[in-house]
């Protein structure tokens, strides 16, 4: 299996599993697409976590041998489907965390950029978009998402140089939200799952987190007035939810809230 899934409490874990470097093919991207749809529909999970199998690679990007053997039309359709898959991930109303356990380069970083939060294992590998060294550009959202994340100047430098960053450099440049020191990938994954659980019921309100994600993702592409209108509509929907009633009551009663995602 190119993509494996399992659940840890209310965290839906997706593992890219194509040794030795977890490079993705059309078949893997289709499997990832299916896993995303399964995770989206899962009523007993609140957070999606994506990681790579093994200790060395999160994902080293697209399978270059596959691309070399493909026709230009096949390459275009491959990129189109990858774009659609990552947009589906980005628009899923659940928090998505990339648990970067090793090298995360090229299309691998493009997958991670489509996640809401990125956490890396310290010194486990490099991060970057080196496609320019192959005479191409990042074609799975790399130019779009990196520019929105870092700004045009900083993104341009990384894209045209193709240089790779250490986890510490990636953290300083805003590519990562957290770096965790761990002795193995399994230890690292356990730490990220524990981190993810803070965003799950009953500790947090997953519906509110999903609406926050929608306000940020969709609203970020709107003019401010339209963004504010979207924010008001989402807030109104949350005000009538059971979680909002529970959260307000718990605050007034000075007790921990028990959220249910309803």
C-alpha atoms as a PDB file:
ATOM      1  CA  UNK A   1       0.000   0.000   0.000  1.00  0.00           C
ATOM      2  CA  UNK A   2       1.355   3.410  -0.994  1.00  0.00           C
ATOM      3  CA  UNK A   3      -0.694   5.245   1.619  1.00  0.00           C
ATOM      4  CA  UNK A   4      -1.627   3.788   4.996  1.00  0.00           C
ATOM      5  CA  UNK A   5      -4.144   5.117   7.494  1.00  0.00           C
ATOM      6  CA  UNK A   6      -4.916   4.529  11.124  1.00  0.00           C
ATOM      7  CA  UNK A   7      -6.461   6.422  14.024  1.00  0.00           C
ATOM      8  CA  UNK A   8      -4.914   7.394  17.336  1.00  0.00           C
ATOM      9  CA  UNK A   9      -7.803   8.465  19.548  1.00  0.00           C
ATOM     10  CA  UNK A  10      -9.344  11.341  17.536  1.00  0.00           C
ATOM     11  CA  UNK A  11      -6.313  11.885  15.268  1.00  0.00           C
ATOM     12  CA  UNK A  12      -6.548  10.412  11.748  1.00  0.00           C
ATOM     13  CA  UNK A  13      -2.995   9.494  10.673  1.00  0.00           C
ATOM     14  CA  UNK A  14      -2.084   9.254   6.971  1.00  0.00           C
ATOM     15  CA  UNK A  15       1.331   7.736   6.176  1.00  0.00           C
ATOM     16  CA  UNK A  16       3.041   8.049   2.787  1.00  0.00           C
ATOM     17  CA  UNK A  17       4.714   4.672   2.292  1.00  0.00           C
ATOM     18  CA  UNK A  18       6.765   4.200  -0.889  1.00  0.00           C
ATOM     19  CA  UNK A  19      10.325   3.168   0.039  1.00  0.00           C
ATOM     20  CA  UNK A  20      12.992   4.300  -0.083  1.00  0.00           C
ATOM     21  CA  UNK A  21      12.084   8.016  -0.310  1.00  0.00           C
ATOM     22  CA  UNK A  22       8.251   8.048  -0.272  1.00  0.00           C
ATOM     23  CA  UNK A  23       8.233   9.680  -3.711  1.00  0.00           C
ATOM     24  CA  UNK A  24       4.745  10.087  -5.055  1.00  0.00           C
ATOM     25  CA  UNK A  25       3.355   8.747  -8.295  1.00  0.00           C
ATOM     26  CA  UNK A  26      -0.087   9.139  -9.807  1.00  0.00           C
ATOM     27  CA  UNK A  27      -1.082   5.964  -7.976  1.00  0.00           C
ATOM     28  CA  UNK A  28       0.101   7.349  -4.640  1.00  0.00           C
ATOM     29  CA  UNK A  29      -1.649  10.671  -5.220  1.00  0.00           C
ATOM     30  CA  UNK A  30      -4.885   8.814  -5.963  1.00  0.00           C
ATOM     31  CA  UNK A  31      -4.433   6.822  -2.742  1.00  0.00           C
ATOM     32  CA  UNK A  32      -3.749  10.049  -0.834  1.00  0.00           C
ATOM     33  CA  UNK A  33      -6.886  11.565  -2.344  1.00  0.00           C
ATOM     34  CA  UNK A  34      -8.927   8.590  -1.104  1.00  0.00           C
ATOM     35  CA  UNK A  35      -7.374   8.863   2.354  1.00  0.00           C
ATOM     36  CA  UNK A  36      -8.211  12.573   2.530  1.00  0.00           C
ATOM     37  CA  UNK A  37     -11.840  11.874   1.597  1.00  0.00           C
ATOM     38  CA  UNK A  38     -11.984   9.108   4.225  1.00  0.00           C
ATOM     39  CA  UNK A  39     -10.486  11.391   6.878  1.00  0.00           C
ATOM     40  CA  UNK A  40     -12.852  14.210   5.956  1.00  0.00           C
ATOM     41  CA  UNK A  41     -15.882  11.947   6.445  1.00  0.00           C
ATOM     42  CA  UNK A  42     -14.606  10.333   9.647  1.00  0.00           C
ATOM     43  CA  UNK A  43     -17.009  11.252  12.439  1.00  0.00           C
ATOM     44  CA  UNK A  44     -14.681  10.018  15.180  1.00  0.00           C
ATOM     45  CA  UNK A  45     -11.610  12.078  14.241  1.00  0.00           C
ATOM     46  CA  UNK A  46     -11.008  15.819  14.565  1.00  0.00           C
ATOM     47  CA  UNK A  47      -7.446  16.267  13.284  1.00  0.00           C
ATOM     48  CA  UNK A  48      -5.657  14.863  10.227  1.00  0.00           C
ATOM     49  CA  UNK A  49      -1.941  14.127  10.531  1.00  0.00           C
ATOM     50  CA  UNK A  50       0.261  13.353   7.501  1.00  0.00           C
ATOM     51  CA  UNK A  51       3.698  11.773   7.844  1.00  0.00           C
ATOM     52  CA  UNK A  52       6.149   9.568   5.944  1.00  0.00           C
ATOM     53  CA  UNK A  53       7.151   5.958   6.570  1.00  0.00           C
ATOM     54  CA  UNK A  54      10.637   5.229   7.877  1.00  0.00           C
ATOM     55  CA  UNK A  55      13.257   7.398   9.525  1.00  0.00           C
ATOM     56  CA  UNK A  56      14.734   9.295   6.568  1.00  0.00           C
ATOM     57  CA  UNK A  57      12.003  10.779   4.373  1.00  0.00           C
ATOM     58  CA  UNK A  58       8.702  12.555   4.788  1.00  0.00           C
ATOM     59  CA  UNK A  59       8.518  12.708   0.995  1.00  0.00           C
ATOM     60  CA  UNK A  60      11.167  13.444  -1.633  1.00  0.00           C
ATOM     61  CA  UNK A  61       8.609  14.687  -4.144  1.00  0.00           C
ATOM     62  CA  UNK A  62       7.389  13.254  -7.410  1.00  0.00           C
ATOM     63  CA  UNK A  63       8.859  10.061  -8.866  1.00  0.00           C
ATOM     64  CA  UNK A  64      11.307  11.492 -11.440  1.00  0.00           C
ATOM     65  CA  UNK A  65      11.554   8.198 -13.362  1.00  0.00           C
ATOM     66  CA  UNK A  66       7.776   8.232 -13.752  1.00  0.00           C
ATOM     67  CA  UNK A  67       7.865  11.807 -15.038  1.00  0.00           C
ATOM     68  CA  UNK A  68      10.670  11.051 -17.493  1.00  0.00           C
ATOM     69  CA  UNK A  69       8.649   8.215 -19.010  1.00  0.00           C
ATOM     70  CA  UNK A  70       5.420  10.232 -19.206  1.00  0.00           C
ATOM     71  CA  UNK A  71       4.081  12.219 -22.136  1.00  0.00           C
ATOM     72  CA  UNK A  72       3.632  16.013 -21.755  1.00  0.00           C
ATOM     73  CA  UNK A  73      -0.141  15.511 -21.541  1.00  0.00           C
ATOM     74  CA  UNK A  74       0.257  12.841 -18.860  1.00  0.00           C
ATOM     75  CA  UNK A  75       2.550  15.161 -16.880  1.00  0.00           C
ATOM     76  CA  UNK A  76      -0.040  17.950 -17.110  1.00  0.00           C
ATOM     77  CA  UNK A  77      -2.853  15.702 -15.920  1.00  0.00           C
ATOM     78  CA  UNK A  78      -0.634  14.382 -13.121  1.00  0.00           C
ATOM     79  CA  UNK A  79      -0.041  17.949 -11.897  1.00  0.00           C
ATOM     80  CA  UNK A  80      -3.725  18.810 -12.279  1.00  0.00           C
ATOM     81  CA  UNK A  81      -4.820  15.860 -10.153  1.00  0.00           C
ATOM     82  CA  UNK A  82      -2.151  16.642  -7.538  1.00  0.00           C
ATOM     83  CA  UNK A  83      -3.425  20.237  -7.401  1.00  0.00           C
ATOM     84  CA  UNK A  84      -6.986  19.008  -6.916  1.00  0.00           C
ATOM     85  CA  UNK A  85      -5.924  16.564  -4.193  1.00  0.00           C
ATOM     86  CA  UNK A  86      -4.003  19.174  -2.196  1.00  0.00           C
ATOM     87  CA  UNK A  87      -6.806  21.716  -2.582  1.00  0.00           C
ATOM     88  CA  UNK A  88      -9.152  19.086  -1.163  1.00  0.00           C
ATOM     89  CA  UNK A  89      -6.780  18.657   1.767  1.00  0.00           C
ATOM     90  CA  UNK A  90      -6.477  22.428   2.241  1.00  0.00           C
ATOM     91  CA  UNK A  91     -10.249  22.911   2.160  1.00  0.00           C
ATOM     92  CA  UNK A  92     -11.107  20.003   4.462  1.00  0.00           C
ATOM     93  CA  UNK A  93     -12.792  21.507   7.557  1.00  0.00           C
ATOM     94  CA  UNK A  94     -10.418  19.728   9.937  1.00  0.00           C
ATOM     95  CA  UNK A  95      -7.037  20.865  11.137  1.00  0.00           C
ATOM     96  CA  UNK A  96      -4.267  19.195   9.115  1.00  0.00           C
ATOM     97  CA  UNK A  97      -0.772  18.742  10.578  1.00  0.00           C
ATOM     98  CA  UNK A  98       2.324  17.664   8.629  1.00  0.00           C
ATOM     99  CA  UNK A  99       4.593  15.549  10.852  1.00  0.00           C
ATOM    100  CA  UNK A 100       7.848  15.955   8.920  1.00  0.00           C
ATOM    101  CA  UNK A 101       9.978  13.006  10.032  1.00  0.00           C
ATOM    102  CA  UNK A 102      12.796  13.343   7.473  1.00  0.00           C
ATOM    103  CA  UNK A 103      13.753  15.006   4.195  1.00  0.00           C
ATOM    104  CA  UNK A 104      10.851  17.058   2.833  1.00  0.00           C
ATOM    105  CA  UNK A 105      11.785  18.389  -0.589  1.00  0.00           C
ATOM    106  CA  UNK A 106      10.167  19.214  -3.916  1.00  0.00           C
ATOM    107  CA  UNK A 107       6.645  17.859  -4.088  1.00  0.00           C
ATOM    108  CA  UNK A 108       7.018  16.595  -0.529  1.00  0.00           C
ATOM    109  CA  UNK A 109       7.259  20.165   0.715  1.00  0.00           C
ATOM    110  CA  UNK A 110       4.325  21.062  -1.531  1.00  0.00           C
ATOM    111  CA  UNK A 111       2.249  18.445   0.315  1.00  0.00           C
ATOM    112  CA  UNK A 112       3.391  19.888   3.635  1.00  0.00           C
ATOM    113  CA  UNK A 113       2.586  23.444   2.508  1.00  0.00           C
ATOM    114  CA  UNK A 114      -1.028  22.369   1.921  1.00  0.00           C
ATOM    115  CA  UNK A 115      -1.237  21.395   5.601  1.00  0.00           C
ATOM    116  CA  UNK A 116      -2.276  23.927   8.243  1.00  0.00           C
ATOM    117  CA  UNK A 117       0.612  23.290  10.633  1.00  0.00           C
ATOM    118  CA  UNK A 118       4.082  21.855   9.968  1.00  0.00           C
ATOM    119  CA  UNK A 119       6.126  20.170  12.696  1.00  0.00           C
ATOM    120  CA  UNK A 120       9.532  18.646  11.963  1.00  0.00           C
ATOM    121  CA  UNK A 121      11.847  16.235  13.731  1.00  0.00           C
ATOM    122  CA  UNK A 122      15.018  18.137  14.604  1.00  0.00           C
ATOM    123  CA  UNK A 123      17.944  17.552  12.226  1.00  0.00           C
ATOM    124  CA  UNK A 124      16.112  14.661  10.526  1.00  0.00           C
ATOM    125  CA  UNK A 125      16.388  16.118   7.034  1.00  0.00           C
ATOM    126  CA  UNK A 126      16.339  19.102   4.703  1.00  0.00           C
ATOM    127  CA  UNK A 127      13.413  21.141   3.381  1.00  0.00           C
ATOM    128  CA  UNK A 128      13.188  23.007   0.099  1.00  0.00           C
ATOM    129  CA  UNK A 129      11.984  23.251  -3.470  1.00  0.00           C
ATOM    130  CA  UNK A 130      14.947  22.331  -5.719  1.00  0.00           C
ATOM    131  CA  UNK A 131      12.933  21.863  -8.948  1.00  0.00           C
ATOM    132  CA  UNK A 132      14.849  24.656 -10.690  1.00  0.00           C
ATOM    133  CA  UNK A 133      17.897  22.355 -10.684  1.00  0.00           C
ATOM    134  CA  UNK A 134      15.911  19.986 -12.927  1.00  0.00           C
ATOM    135  CA  UNK A 135      14.950  22.822 -15.250  1.00  0.00           C
ATOM    136  CA  UNK A 136      11.339  22.937 -14.042  1.00  0.00           C
ATOM    137  CA  UNK A 137       9.283  24.706 -11.372  1.00  0.00           C
ATOM    138  CA  UNK A 138       7.310  23.392  -8.377  1.00  0.00           C
ATOM    139  CA  UNK A 139       4.090  22.386 -10.130  1.00  0.00           C
ATOM    140  CA  UNK A 140       1.950  21.204  -7.236  1.00  0.00           C
ATOM    141  CA  UNK A 141       1.280  24.524  -5.542  1.00  0.00           C
ATOM    142  CA  UNK A 142       4.829  25.357  -4.467  1.00  0.00           C
ATOM    143  CA  UNK A 143       5.066  28.803  -6.046  1.00  0.00           C
ATOM    144  CA  UNK A 144       1.547  29.746  -4.939  1.00  0.00           C
ATOM    145  CA  UNK A 145       1.644  28.565  -1.335  1.00  0.00           C
ATOM    146  CA  UNK A 146       5.253  29.510  -0.614  1.00  0.00           C
ATOM    147  CA  UNK A 147       4.645  33.056  -1.874  1.00  0.00           C
ATOM    148  CA  UNK A 148       1.554  33.426   0.308  1.00  0.00           C
ATOM    149  CA  UNK A 149       3.412  32.035   3.304  1.00  0.00           C
ATOM    150  CA  UNK A 150       6.733  33.871   3.046  1.00  0.00           C
ATOM    151  CA  UNK A 151       6.068  36.842   0.800  1.00  0.00           C
ATOM    152  CA  UNK A 152       7.337  37.357  -2.748  1.00  0.00           C
ATOM    153  CA  UNK A 153      10.939  38.280  -1.982  1.00  0.00           C
ATOM    154  CA  UNK A 154      11.780  35.433   0.386  1.00  0.00           C
ATOM    155  CA  UNK A 155       9.878  32.886  -1.724  1.00  0.00           C
ATOM    156  CA  UNK A 156      11.603  34.023  -4.905  1.00  0.00           C
ATOM    157  CA  UNK A 157      15.060  33.522  -3.402  1.00  0.00           C
ATOM    158  CA  UNK A 158      14.298  29.960  -2.302  1.00  0.00           C
ATOM    159  CA  UNK A 159      12.602  29.066  -5.577  1.00  0.00           C
ATOM    160  CA  UNK A 160      15.280  30.361  -7.957  1.00  0.00           C
ATOM    161  CA  UNK A 161      18.212  29.106  -5.881  1.00  0.00           C
ATOM    162  CA  UNK A 162      16.672  25.716  -5.134  1.00  0.00           C
ATOM    163  CA  UNK A 163      18.633  25.664  -1.889  1.00  0.00           C
ATOM    164  CA  UNK A 164      17.677  23.330   0.927  1.00  0.00           C
ATOM    165  CA  UNK A 165      17.161  24.398   4.522  1.00  0.00           C
ATOM    166  CA  UNK A 166      17.891  22.657   7.804  1.00  0.00           C
ATOM    167  CA  UNK A 167      15.003  22.325  10.243  1.00  0.00           C
ATOM    168  CA  UNK A 168      16.382  25.263  12.235  1.00  0.00           C
ATOM    169  CA  UNK A 169      16.635  27.450   9.105  1.00  0.00           C
ATOM    170  CA  UNK A 170      13.143  26.411   8.036  1.00  0.00           C
ATOM    171  CA  UNK A 171      11.845  27.379  11.467  1.00  0.00           C
ATOM    172  CA  UNK A 172      13.503  30.802  11.248  1.00  0.00           C
ATOM    173  CA  UNK A 173      12.065  31.324   7.776  1.00  0.00           C
ATOM    174  CA  UNK A 174       8.515  30.560   8.878  1.00  0.00           C
ATOM    175  CA  UNK A 175       8.187  27.246   7.035  1.00  0.00           C
ATOM    176  CA  UNK A 176       7.764  25.315  10.293  1.00  0.00           C
ATOM    177  CA  UNK A 177       5.669  25.955  13.365  1.00  0.00           C
ATOM    178  CA  UNK A 178       7.637  23.706  15.695  1.00  0.00           C
ATOM    179  CA  UNK A 179      10.732  21.489  15.784  1.00  0.00           C
ATOM    180  CA  UNK A 180      10.752  18.456  18.073  1.00  0.00           C
ATOM    181  CA  UNK A 181      13.845  16.546  19.183  1.00  0.00           C
ATOM    182  CA  UNK A 182      13.269  12.786  19.054  1.00  0.00           C
ATOM    183  CA  UNK A 183      15.422   9.644  18.911  1.00  0.00           C
ATOM    184  CA  UNK A 184      13.307   7.934  16.239  1.00  0.00           C
ATOM    185  CA  UNK A 185      10.432   8.554  13.861  1.00  0.00           C
ATOM    186  CA  UNK A 186       8.086   6.553  16.082  1.00  0.00           C
ATOM    187  CA  UNK A 187       8.980   8.689  19.084  1.00  0.00           C
ATOM    188  CA  UNK A 188       8.535  11.809  16.954  1.00  0.00           C
ATOM    189  CA  UNK A 189       5.140  10.670  15.657  1.00  0.00           C
ATOM    190  CA  UNK A 190       3.935   9.943  19.191  1.00  0.00           C
ATOM    191  CA  UNK A 191       4.944  13.476  20.209  1.00  0.00           C
ATOM    192  CA  UNK A 192       3.105  15.040  17.274  1.00  0.00           C
ATOM    193  CA  UNK A 193      -0.008  12.949  17.944  1.00  0.00           C
ATOM    194  CA  UNK A 194       0.085  14.158  21.544  1.00  0.00           C
ATOM    195  CA  UNK A 195       0.416  17.732  20.260  1.00  0.00           C
ATOM    196  CA  UNK A 196      -2.525  17.184  17.879  1.00  0.00           C
ATOM    197  CA  UNK A 197      -4.788  15.914  20.643  1.00  0.00           C
ATOM    198  CA  UNK A 198      -5.032  19.411  22.124  1.00  0.00           C
ATOM    199  CA  UNK A 199      -7.150  20.362  19.066  1.00  0.00           C
ATOM    200  CA  UNK A 200      -9.562  17.444  19.507  1.00  0.00           C
ATOM    201  CA  UNK A 201     -12.757  17.036  21.507  1.00  0.00           C
ATOM    202  CA  UNK A 202     -13.364  17.179  24.391  1.00  0.00           C
ATOM    203  CA  UNK A 203     -10.438  19.559  25.055  1.00  0.00           C
ATOM    204  CA  UNK A 204     -11.084  21.837  22.060  1.00  0.00           C
ATOM    205  CA  UNK A 205     -14.096  22.672  19.920  1.00  0.00           C
ATOM    206  CA  UNK A 206     -13.365  21.023  16.538  1.00  0.00           C
ATOM    207  CA  UNK A 207     -16.257  22.748  14.762  1.00  0.00           C
ATOM    208  CA  UNK A 208     -14.935  26.151  15.782  1.00  0.00           C
ATOM    209  CA  UNK A 209     -11.442  25.145  14.630  1.00  0.00           C
ATOM    210  CA  UNK A 210     -12.895  24.048  11.279  1.00  0.00           C
ATOM    211  CA  UNK A 211     -14.691  27.376  10.883  1.00  0.00           C
ATOM    212  CA  UNK A 212     -11.537  29.279  11.815  1.00  0.00           C
ATOM    213  CA  UNK A 213      -9.738  27.324   9.106  1.00  0.00           C
ATOM    214  CA  UNK A 214     -12.433  28.210   6.574  1.00  0.00           C
ATOM    215  CA  UNK A 215     -12.281  31.885   7.558  1.00  0.00           C
ATOM    216  CA  UNK A 216      -8.502  31.911   7.093  1.00  0.00           C
ATOM    217  CA  UNK A 217      -8.339  29.806   3.914  1.00  0.00           C
ATOM    218  CA  UNK A 218     -11.309  31.261   2.044  1.00  0.00           C
ATOM    219  CA  UNK A 219     -11.244  34.713   3.587  1.00  0.00           C
ATOM    220  CA  UNK A 220      -7.568  35.148   2.866  1.00  0.00           C
ATOM    221  CA  UNK A 221      -8.393  35.262  -0.866  1.00  0.00           C
ATOM    222  CA  UNK A 222     -11.146  37.903  -0.410  1.00  0.00           C
ATOM    223  CA  UNK A 223     -11.230  41.650   0.001  1.00  0.00           C
ATOM    224  CA  UNK A 224     -11.447  42.642   3.673  1.00  0.00           C
ATOM    225  CA  UNK A 225     -15.156  43.559   3.573  1.00  0.00           C
ATOM    226  CA  UNK A 226     -16.063  40.143   2.129  1.00  0.00           C
ATOM    227  CA  UNK A 227     -13.739  38.422   4.598  1.00  0.00           C
ATOM    228  CA  UNK A 228     -15.478  40.185   7.495  1.00  0.00           C
ATOM    229  CA  UNK A 229     -18.885  39.170   6.119  1.00  0.00           C
ATOM    230  CA  UNK A 230     -17.774  35.532   5.946  1.00  0.00           C
ATOM    231  CA  UNK A 231     -16.426  35.770   9.485  1.00  0.00           C
ATOM    232  CA  UNK A 232     -19.786  37.119  10.767  1.00  0.00           C
ATOM    233  CA  UNK A 233     -21.738  34.342   9.054  1.00  0.00           C
ATOM    234  CA  UNK A 234     -19.486  31.650  10.474  1.00  0.00           C
ATOM    235  CA  UNK A 235     -19.661  33.215  13.930  1.00  0.00           C
ATOM    236  CA  UNK A 236     -23.463  33.256  13.794  1.00  0.00           C
ATOM    237  CA  UNK A 237     -23.499  29.542  12.967  1.00  0.00           C
ATOM    238  CA  UNK A 238     -21.179  28.837  15.892  1.00  0.00           C
ATOM    239  CA  UNK A 239     -23.280  30.899  18.312  1.00  0.00           C
ATOM    240  CA  UNK A 240     -26.170  28.429  17.918  1.00  0.00           C
ATOM    241  CA  UNK A 241     -23.967  25.342  18.334  1.00  0.00           C
ATOM    242  CA  UNK A 242     -23.942  23.144  21.423  1.00  0.00           C
ATOM    243  CA  UNK A 243     -20.189  23.614  21.740  1.00  0.00           C
ATOM    244  CA  UNK A 244     -20.581  27.398  22.023  1.00  0.00           C
ATOM    245  CA  UNK A 245     -23.251  26.986  24.690  1.00  0.00           C
ATOM    246  CA  UNK A 246     -20.977  24.564  26.552  1.00  0.00           C
ATOM    247  CA  UNK A 247     -17.922  26.792  26.189  1.00  0.00           C
ATOM    248  CA  UNK A 248     -19.691  29.896  27.488  1.00  0.00           C
ATOM    249  CA  UNK A 249     -21.328  27.980  30.342  1.00  0.00           C
ATOM    250  CA  UNK A 250     -18.022  26.398  31.356  1.00  0.00           C
ATOM    251  CA  UNK A 251     -16.309  29.787  31.349  1.00  0.00           C
ATOM    252  CA  UNK A 252     -18.981  31.333  33.576  1.00  0.00           C
ATOM    253  CA  UNK A 253     -19.019  28.294  35.869  1.00  0.00           C
ATOM    254  CA  UNK A 254     -15.207  28.263  36.045  1.00  0.00           C
ATOM    255  CA  UNK A 255     -14.814  24.644  34.922  1.00  0.00           C
ATOM    256  CA  UNK A 256     -13.157  22.906  31.959  1.00  0.00           C
ATOM    257  CA  UNK A 257     -15.400  22.736  28.921  1.00  0.00           C
ATOM    258  CA  UNK A 258     -16.366  19.365  27.434  1.00  0.00           C
ATOM    259  CA  UNK A 259     -16.767  19.835  23.689  1.00  0.00           C
ATOM    260  CA  UNK A 260     -18.422  17.352  21.340  1.00  0.00           C
ATOM    261  CA  UNK A 261     -18.032  18.914  17.909  1.00  0.00           C
ATOM    262  CA  UNK A 262     -21.724  19.791  17.634  1.00  0.00           C
END
